[in-house]
N, C-alpha and C. Protein backbone atom coordinates (compact mmCIF):
# COMPACT_ATOMS: atom_id res chain seq x y z
N MET A 1 -16.59 76.76 82.16
CA MET A 1 -15.54 75.75 82.25
C MET A 1 -14.17 76.40 82.37
N ALA A 2 -13.96 77.49 81.63
CA ALA A 2 -12.67 78.17 81.67
C ALA A 2 -12.40 78.74 83.06
N ASP A 3 -13.44 79.24 83.72
CA ASP A 3 -13.27 79.78 85.08
C ASP A 3 -12.82 78.70 86.05
N ILE A 4 -13.35 77.50 85.87
CA ILE A 4 -12.96 76.38 86.74
C ILE A 4 -11.49 76.04 86.52
N ALA A 5 -11.04 76.04 85.28
CA ALA A 5 -9.65 75.73 84.96
C ALA A 5 -8.72 76.79 85.54
N VAL A 6 -9.10 78.04 85.40
CA VAL A 6 -8.29 79.13 85.94
C VAL A 6 -8.19 79.01 87.46
N THR A 7 -9.29 78.74 88.11
CA THR A 7 -9.31 78.58 89.57
C THR A 7 -8.47 77.38 89.98
N ALA A 8 -8.59 76.28 89.26
CA ALA A 8 -7.82 75.07 89.58
C ALA A 8 -6.33 75.33 89.44
N VAL A 9 -5.93 76.03 88.38
CA VAL A 9 -4.51 76.36 88.20
C VAL A 9 -4.04 77.27 89.34
N GLY A 10 -4.86 78.22 89.72
CA GLY A 10 -4.51 79.12 90.82
C GLY A 10 -4.32 78.38 92.13
N TYR A 11 -5.22 77.47 92.44
CA TYR A 11 -5.09 76.69 93.67
C TYR A 11 -3.90 75.74 93.61
N ALA A 12 -3.65 75.15 92.45
CA ALA A 12 -2.49 74.26 92.30
C ALA A 12 -1.19 75.05 92.50
N ALA A 13 -1.12 76.24 91.91
CA ALA A 13 0.06 77.09 92.09
C ALA A 13 0.24 77.48 93.55
N ALA A 14 -0.85 77.81 94.21
CA ALA A 14 -0.80 78.18 95.63
C ALA A 14 -0.30 77.01 96.47
N CYS A 15 -0.78 75.81 96.17
CA CYS A 15 -0.33 74.62 96.92
C CYS A 15 1.16 74.37 96.72
N CYS A 16 1.62 74.47 95.49
CA CYS A 16 3.05 74.26 95.21
C CYS A 16 3.91 75.32 95.90
N SER A 17 3.52 76.57 95.79
CA SER A 17 4.28 77.65 96.43
C SER A 17 4.33 77.48 97.94
N THR A 18 3.20 77.14 98.50
CA THR A 18 3.10 76.96 99.95
C THR A 18 3.95 75.79 100.41
N ALA A 19 3.84 74.68 99.72
CA ALA A 19 4.57 73.47 100.11
C ALA A 19 6.07 73.60 99.89
N SER A 20 6.50 74.50 99.03
CA SER A 20 7.92 74.59 98.69
C SER A 20 8.80 74.99 99.87
N PHE A 21 8.26 75.65 100.87
CA PHE A 21 9.07 76.08 102.01
C PHE A 21 9.14 75.02 103.11
N ALA A 22 8.23 74.09 103.12
CA ALA A 22 8.19 73.08 104.18
C ALA A 22 9.46 72.22 104.23
N PRO A 23 9.99 71.72 103.10
CA PRO A 23 11.21 70.91 103.20
C PRO A 23 12.40 71.67 103.78
N GLN A 24 12.54 72.94 103.41
CA GLN A 24 13.65 73.73 103.94
C GLN A 24 13.48 73.96 105.44
N ALA A 25 12.27 74.29 105.85
CA ALA A 25 12.02 74.50 107.28
C ALA A 25 12.29 73.22 108.07
N TRP A 26 11.84 72.08 107.56
CA TRP A 26 12.06 70.82 108.25
C TRP A 26 13.54 70.47 108.29
N LYS A 27 14.26 70.74 107.22
CA LYS A 27 15.71 70.46 107.19
C LYS A 27 16.43 71.31 108.25
N ILE A 28 16.01 72.53 108.41
CA ILE A 28 16.62 73.40 109.41
C ILE A 28 16.33 72.86 110.82
N ILE A 29 15.11 72.42 111.05
CA ILE A 29 14.76 71.87 112.35
C ILE A 29 15.63 70.65 112.64
N LYS A 30 15.78 69.77 111.67
CA LYS A 30 16.53 68.54 111.86
C LYS A 30 18.04 68.79 111.97
N SER A 31 18.59 69.62 111.08
CA SER A 31 20.05 69.82 111.04
C SER A 31 20.54 70.99 111.89
N ARG A 32 19.65 71.95 112.13
CA ARG A 32 19.98 73.18 112.85
C ARG A 32 21.04 74.01 112.12
N GLN A 33 21.15 73.80 110.83
CA GLN A 33 22.14 74.51 110.02
C GLN A 33 21.44 75.51 109.10
N THR A 34 21.95 76.75 109.11
CA THR A 34 21.41 77.78 108.22
C THR A 34 22.53 78.56 107.53
N LYS A 35 23.75 78.08 107.65
CA LYS A 35 24.89 78.87 107.15
C LYS A 35 24.84 79.10 105.65
N ASP A 36 24.23 78.21 104.89
CA ASP A 36 24.19 78.35 103.43
C ASP A 36 22.94 79.06 102.93
N ILE A 37 22.13 79.56 103.83
CA ILE A 37 20.90 80.26 103.45
C ILE A 37 21.18 81.76 103.41
N SER A 38 20.72 82.41 102.37
CA SER A 38 20.92 83.85 102.20
C SER A 38 19.90 84.63 103.03
N ALA A 39 20.40 85.41 103.97
CA ALA A 39 19.51 86.25 104.79
C ALA A 39 18.84 87.31 103.93
N GLY A 40 19.57 87.87 102.98
CA GLY A 40 19.00 88.89 102.10
C GLY A 40 17.85 88.34 101.26
N MET A 41 18.04 87.15 100.74
CA MET A 41 16.99 86.53 99.94
C MET A 41 15.74 86.29 100.77
N TYR A 42 15.92 85.80 102.00
CA TYR A 42 14.75 85.55 102.84
C TYR A 42 14.12 86.83 103.34
N ALA A 43 14.88 87.89 103.53
CA ALA A 43 14.30 89.19 103.90
C ALA A 43 13.38 89.67 102.78
N LEU A 44 13.83 89.53 101.54
CA LEU A 44 13.01 89.92 100.40
C LEU A 44 11.80 89.00 100.24
N THR A 45 12.00 87.72 100.45
CA THR A 45 10.91 86.75 100.33
C THR A 45 9.81 87.03 101.36
N VAL A 46 10.21 87.25 102.61
CA VAL A 46 9.24 87.55 103.67
C VAL A 46 8.49 88.84 103.33
N SER A 47 9.23 89.85 102.87
CA SER A 47 8.58 91.12 102.49
C SER A 47 7.60 90.91 101.34
N GLY A 48 8.01 90.14 100.35
CA GLY A 48 7.13 89.87 99.22
C GLY A 48 5.85 89.17 99.63
N PHE A 49 5.98 88.15 100.48
CA PHE A 49 4.78 87.44 100.93
C PHE A 49 3.88 88.33 101.77
N ALA A 50 4.47 89.20 102.58
CA ALA A 50 3.66 90.14 103.37
C ALA A 50 2.88 91.08 102.44
N LEU A 51 3.54 91.54 101.39
CA LEU A 51 2.87 92.43 100.44
C LEU A 51 1.79 91.69 99.64
N TRP A 52 2.07 90.46 99.20
CA TRP A 52 1.04 89.67 98.50
C TRP A 52 -0.14 89.39 99.41
N LEU A 53 0.14 89.13 100.68
CA LEU A 53 -0.94 88.91 101.64
C LEU A 53 -1.81 90.16 101.77
N ALA A 54 -1.16 91.31 101.88
CA ALA A 54 -1.89 92.58 101.97
C ALA A 54 -2.71 92.82 100.69
N PHE A 55 -2.11 92.55 99.55
CA PHE A 55 -2.79 92.70 98.26
C PHE A 55 -4.02 91.81 98.20
N GLY A 56 -3.86 90.56 98.60
CA GLY A 56 -4.99 89.63 98.60
C GLY A 56 -6.07 90.06 99.57
N ALA A 57 -5.67 90.55 100.74
CA ALA A 57 -6.64 90.99 101.74
C ALA A 57 -7.41 92.22 101.26
N LEU A 58 -6.71 93.13 100.59
CA LEU A 58 -7.38 94.33 100.08
C LEU A 58 -8.43 93.98 99.03
N GLY A 59 -8.19 92.93 98.27
CA GLY A 59 -9.14 92.52 97.25
C GLY A 59 -10.00 91.35 97.65
N THR A 60 -9.89 90.92 98.90
CA THR A 60 -10.60 89.75 99.42
C THR A 60 -10.45 88.55 98.47
N GLN A 61 -9.21 88.27 98.10
CA GLN A 61 -8.91 87.16 97.20
C GLN A 61 -8.35 86.01 98.04
N TRP A 62 -9.23 85.08 98.41
CA TRP A 62 -8.88 84.03 99.36
C TRP A 62 -7.73 83.13 98.93
N PRO A 63 -7.60 82.76 97.66
CA PRO A 63 -6.42 81.96 97.30
C PRO A 63 -5.11 82.69 97.61
N LEU A 64 -5.07 83.99 97.35
CA LEU A 64 -3.87 84.78 97.67
C LEU A 64 -3.68 84.92 99.17
N ILE A 65 -4.74 85.15 99.87
CA ILE A 65 -4.66 85.33 101.33
C ILE A 65 -4.14 84.06 102.00
N ILE A 66 -4.77 82.95 101.70
CA ILE A 66 -4.42 81.69 102.37
C ILE A 66 -3.00 81.25 102.03
N SER A 67 -2.70 81.20 100.74
CA SER A 67 -1.37 80.71 100.34
C SER A 67 -0.26 81.63 100.80
N ASN A 68 -0.45 82.93 100.69
CA ASN A 68 0.60 83.85 101.10
C ASN A 68 0.75 83.95 102.61
N PHE A 69 -0.32 83.73 103.34
CA PHE A 69 -0.20 83.67 104.80
C PHE A 69 0.67 82.49 105.22
N ILE A 70 0.39 81.33 104.65
CA ILE A 70 1.18 80.13 104.99
C ILE A 70 2.64 80.31 104.54
N CYS A 71 2.83 80.82 103.33
CA CYS A 71 4.21 81.07 102.84
C CYS A 71 4.93 82.08 103.72
N LEU A 72 4.21 83.11 104.16
CA LEU A 72 4.81 84.11 105.04
C LEU A 72 5.26 83.48 106.35
N VAL A 73 4.42 82.65 106.94
CA VAL A 73 4.77 82.00 108.21
C VAL A 73 6.01 81.12 108.03
N LEU A 74 6.01 80.28 106.98
CA LEU A 74 7.14 79.36 106.77
C LEU A 74 8.42 80.11 106.42
N SER A 75 8.34 81.09 105.53
CA SER A 75 9.56 81.82 105.16
C SER A 75 10.05 82.69 106.32
N ALA A 76 9.14 83.23 107.12
CA ALA A 76 9.55 84.01 108.29
C ALA A 76 10.24 83.11 109.32
N PHE A 77 9.75 81.88 109.45
CA PHE A 77 10.40 80.92 110.35
C PHE A 77 11.83 80.65 109.88
N ILE A 78 12.01 80.40 108.60
CA ILE A 78 13.35 80.13 108.05
C ILE A 78 14.25 81.35 108.26
N PHE A 79 13.73 82.53 107.99
CA PHE A 79 14.49 83.77 108.18
C PHE A 79 14.87 83.96 109.64
N MET A 80 13.91 83.72 110.54
CA MET A 80 14.18 83.84 111.98
C MET A 80 15.29 82.87 112.40
N MET A 81 15.18 81.62 111.92
CA MET A 81 16.20 80.63 112.27
C MET A 81 17.57 81.04 111.73
N LYS A 82 17.60 81.68 110.59
CA LYS A 82 18.86 82.16 110.02
C LYS A 82 19.48 83.22 110.94
N LEU A 83 18.66 84.08 111.49
CA LEU A 83 19.16 85.21 112.28
C LEU A 83 19.44 84.87 113.75
N LEU A 84 18.82 83.82 114.26
CA LEU A 84 19.00 83.48 115.68
C LEU A 84 20.41 82.98 115.97
N PRO A 85 20.94 83.32 117.16
CA PRO A 85 22.21 82.71 117.57
C PRO A 85 22.00 81.22 117.83
N ARG A 86 23.05 80.45 117.75
CA ARG A 86 22.98 78.99 117.84
C ARG A 86 22.20 78.48 119.05
N PRO A 87 22.42 78.99 120.27
CA PRO A 87 21.67 78.44 121.41
C PRO A 87 20.15 78.61 121.26
N LYS A 88 19.72 79.75 120.75
CA LYS A 88 18.28 79.97 120.57
C LYS A 88 17.75 79.14 119.41
N LYS A 89 18.54 78.97 118.37
CA LYS A 89 18.16 78.12 117.25
C LYS A 89 17.95 76.69 117.74
N ASP A 90 18.87 76.21 118.59
CA ASP A 90 18.75 74.87 119.16
C ASP A 90 17.50 74.75 120.03
N ALA A 91 17.19 75.79 120.80
CA ALA A 91 16.01 75.75 121.66
C ALA A 91 14.73 75.66 120.84
N VAL A 92 14.66 76.41 119.75
CA VAL A 92 13.48 76.36 118.88
C VAL A 92 13.38 74.97 118.25
N ALA A 93 14.48 74.45 117.72
CA ALA A 93 14.47 73.13 117.10
C ALA A 93 14.10 72.05 118.12
N ASP A 94 14.61 72.16 119.34
CA ASP A 94 14.26 71.20 120.40
C ASP A 94 12.77 71.23 120.71
N ALA A 95 12.20 72.42 120.71
CA ALA A 95 10.78 72.55 121.01
C ALA A 95 9.92 71.92 119.90
N LEU A 96 10.38 72.03 118.66
CA LEU A 96 9.60 71.51 117.52
C LEU A 96 9.87 70.03 117.25
N ASP A 97 11.09 69.57 117.55
CA ASP A 97 11.45 68.18 117.31
C ASP A 97 12.49 67.79 118.36
N PRO A 98 12.04 67.39 119.55
CA PRO A 98 12.93 67.16 120.68
C PRO A 98 14.08 66.20 120.42
N GLY A 99 13.95 65.22 119.58
CA GLY A 99 15.01 64.26 119.34
C GLY A 99 15.98 64.63 118.25
N ALA A 100 15.75 65.74 117.55
CA ALA A 100 16.57 66.07 116.38
C ALA A 100 18.02 66.34 116.70
N GLY A 101 18.29 66.98 117.80
CA GLY A 101 19.67 67.34 118.12
C GLY A 101 20.41 66.31 118.94
N ASP A 102 19.75 65.23 119.28
CA ASP A 102 20.36 64.21 120.14
C ASP A 102 21.26 63.30 119.32
N THR A 103 22.54 63.42 119.54
CA THR A 103 23.51 62.57 118.83
C THR A 103 24.13 61.52 119.76
N SER A 104 23.57 61.38 120.97
CA SER A 104 24.16 60.44 121.93
C SER A 104 24.00 58.99 121.51
N GLY A 105 22.99 58.72 120.68
CA GLY A 105 22.77 57.35 120.23
C GLY A 105 23.61 56.96 119.04
N LEU A 106 24.42 57.86 118.53
CA LEU A 106 25.24 57.55 117.36
C LEU A 106 26.52 56.88 117.73
């Protein structure tokens, strides 16, 4: 029974960690604003997730592999959007949500 609880807590933590980046990524897509995001923090975050992914892969620990892969993708997207010049940021946002940048209806 204790093993089930430990596994459940691990999966719950993985879900929360993974989901935590989605609102920020979506906000960036919608607003196209990244000026208040720390590039240094996201560089460290992306590095950390890459290392956790490697750690999980070396030990074949699927909860670590799956959650850190998703977190790596989302945090790398946010970091990339932070570093891109405005025209390229707009192009990425347009590709993901074509109506987000359209202010003609306002």
